[in-house]
């Protein structure tokens, strides 16, 4: 492939495209989850569900969240939390705004599912 061009800036275009591709690949890798991160994201989603149902006091929420993310650095923790929020938001998909009954029903079902079965809550209220 010939890199000579009558337009001097055009010779740099392939290099810019390669650099952009490498930058985007690094960003995509940062947003992917490994097995440990996936487990932590699932746990954080369960914590968010229990908090939304009113099962957790603020200090319980913070303790559980810190425990779920303690083995990850801040950047990894942010990605895990973002993934958990996305999954939590997905749980609410299809529920009309303001329908608290359906929201509670869906969150209770998720909280009682196998995904959350290993999470122990210290302040469980009915």
Protein backbone atom coordinates (compact mmCIF):
# COMPACT_ATOMS: atom_id res chain seq x y z
CA UNK A 1 0.00 0.00 0.00
CA UNK A 2 1.34 3.36 -0.99
CA UNK A 3 1.17 6.13 1.60
CA UNK A 4 2.21 8.95 -0.75
CA UNK A 5 -0.54 11.44 -1.41
CA UNK A 6 -0.97 14.68 -3.25
CA UNK A 7 -2.76 15.86 -0.12
CA UNK A 8 -0.27 15.71 2.75
CA UNK A 9 -2.92 15.37 5.49
CA UNK A 10 -4.43 12.29 3.87
CA UNK A 11 -1.35 10.18 4.60
CA UNK A 12 -2.10 10.60 8.31
CA UNK A 13 -5.74 9.48 8.02
CA UNK A 14 -4.93 5.73 8.28
CA UNK A 15 -2.75 6.38 11.34
CA UNK A 16 -5.53 8.42 12.97
CA UNK A 17 -8.00 5.62 12.26
CA UNK A 18 -5.69 3.05 13.84
CA UNK A 19 -5.14 5.25 16.92
CA UNK A 20 -8.89 5.82 17.27
CA UNK A 21 -9.51 2.07 16.95
CA UNK A 22 -7.00 1.30 19.69
CA UNK A 23 -8.53 3.96 21.95
CA UNK A 24 -12.06 2.60 21.43
CA UNK A 25 -10.89 -0.97 22.01
CA UNK A 26 -9.41 0.03 25.38
CA UNK A 27 -12.71 1.69 26.36
CA UNK A 28 -14.73 -1.35 25.35
CA UNK A 29 -12.47 -3.61 27.37
CA UNK A 30 -12.97 -1.38 30.40
CA UNK A 31 -16.75 -1.82 30.12
CA UNK A 32 -16.65 -5.60 29.84
CA UNK A 33 -16.96 -7.70 32.97
CA UNK A 34 -14.94 -10.69 33.99
CA UNK A 35 -16.44 -13.46 36.14
CA UNK A 36 -15.66 -11.74 39.45
CA UNK A 37 -17.00 -8.41 38.25
CA UNK A 38 -20.16 -10.07 36.93
CA UNK A 39 -20.83 -11.68 40.32
CA UNK A 40 -20.26 -8.34 42.04
CA UNK A 41 -22.63 -6.56 39.61
CA UNK A 42 -25.32 -9.14 40.33
CA UNK A 43 -24.81 -8.66 44.06
CA UNK A 44 -24.98 -4.88 43.72
CA UNK A 45 -28.22 -5.23 41.72
CA UNK A 46 -29.69 -7.29 44.56
CA UNK A 47 -28.60 -4.65 47.07
CA UNK A 48 -30.26 -1.95 44.94
CA UNK A 49 -33.48 -4.00 44.77
CA UNK A 50 -33.55 -4.54 48.53
CA UNK A 51 -32.91 -0.86 49.10
CA UNK A 52 -35.71 0.14 46.71
CA UNK A 53 -38.08 -2.21 48.58
CA UNK A 54 -37.19 -0.49 51.85
CA UNK A 55 -35.50 -3.55 53.37
CA UNK A 56 -32.24 -1.71 54.11
CA UNK A 57 -31.31 1.16 56.34
CA UNK A 58 -28.72 3.55 54.93
CA UNK A 59 -25.86 2.07 56.95
CA UNK A 60 -26.87 -1.48 55.90
CA UNK A 61 -26.92 -0.38 52.26
CA UNK A 62 -23.47 1.19 52.56
CA UNK A 63 -22.03 -1.83 54.38
CA UNK A 64 -23.38 -4.29 51.80
CA UNK A 65 -22.27 -2.13 48.87
CA UNK A 66 -18.79 -1.66 50.32
CA UNK A 67 -18.55 -5.41 50.89
CA UNK A 68 -19.57 -6.19 47.32
CA UNK A 69 -17.00 -3.79 45.86
CA UNK A 70 -14.15 -4.04 48.39
CA UNK A 71 -11.87 -6.21 46.24
CA UNK A 72 -12.04 -3.87 43.23
CA UNK A 73 -10.31 -0.57 42.57
CA UNK A 74 -12.38 2.58 42.18
CA UNK A 75 -12.54 2.41 38.38
CA UNK A 76 -13.68 -1.22 38.40
CA UNK A 77 -16.19 -0.41 41.13
CA UNK A 78 -17.65 2.38 39.01
CA UNK A 79 -18.07 0.05 36.02
CA UNK A 80 -19.63 -2.65 38.21
CA UNK A 81 -22.04 -0.14 39.75
CA UNK A 82 -22.96 1.21 36.31
CA UNK A 83 -23.66 -2.31 35.03
CA UNK A 84 -25.79 -3.02 38.11
CA UNK A 85 -27.78 0.17 37.58
CA UNK A 86 -28.36 -0.82 33.97
CA UNK A 87 -29.61 -4.24 34.99
CA UNK A 88 -31.79 -2.72 37.72
CA UNK A 89 -33.24 -0.31 35.15
CA UNK A 90 -33.89 -3.28 32.85
CA UNK A 91 -35.92 -4.95 35.60
CA UNK A 92 -38.34 -2.02 35.40
CA UNK A 93 -38.73 -2.22 31.62
CA UNK A 94 -42.34 -2.35 30.55
CA UNK A 95 -43.80 -1.13 33.84
CA UNK A 96 -45.85 2.07 33.46
CA UNK A 97 -44.57 5.13 35.32
CA UNK A 98 -46.07 5.44 38.77
CA UNK A 99 -47.29 1.83 39.03
CA UNK A 100 -45.74 1.14 42.43
CA UNK A 101 -47.55 -2.18 42.78
CA UNK A 102 -45.92 -3.66 39.68
CA UNK A 103 -42.55 -2.19 40.62
CA UNK A 104 -42.71 -3.77 44.09
CA UNK A 105 -43.90 -7.08 42.67
CA UNK A 106 -41.06 -7.23 40.16
CA UNK A 107 -38.46 -6.25 42.76
CA UNK A 108 -39.75 -8.83 45.25
CA UNK A 109 -39.65 -11.54 42.60
CA UNK A 110 -36.08 -10.59 41.71
CA UNK A 111 -35.07 -10.39 45.36
CA UNK A 112 -36.45 -13.89 45.96
CA UNK A 113 -34.84 -15.30 42.81
CA UNK A 114 -31.76 -17.48 42.72
CA UNK A 115 -29.75 -14.41 41.61
CA UNK A 116 -30.13 -12.88 45.08
CA UNK A 117 -30.34 -16.03 47.18
CA UNK A 118 -26.84 -15.70 48.64
CA UNK A 119 -27.27 -12.14 49.86
CA UNK A 120 -28.05 -11.88 53.57
CA UNK A 121 -29.78 -8.77 54.82
CA UNK A 122 -29.47 -7.65 58.41
CA UNK A 123 -32.56 -5.44 58.48
CA UNK A 124 -35.26 -7.34 56.58
CA UNK A 125 -38.74 -5.84 56.97
CA UNK A 126 -42.06 -6.98 55.57
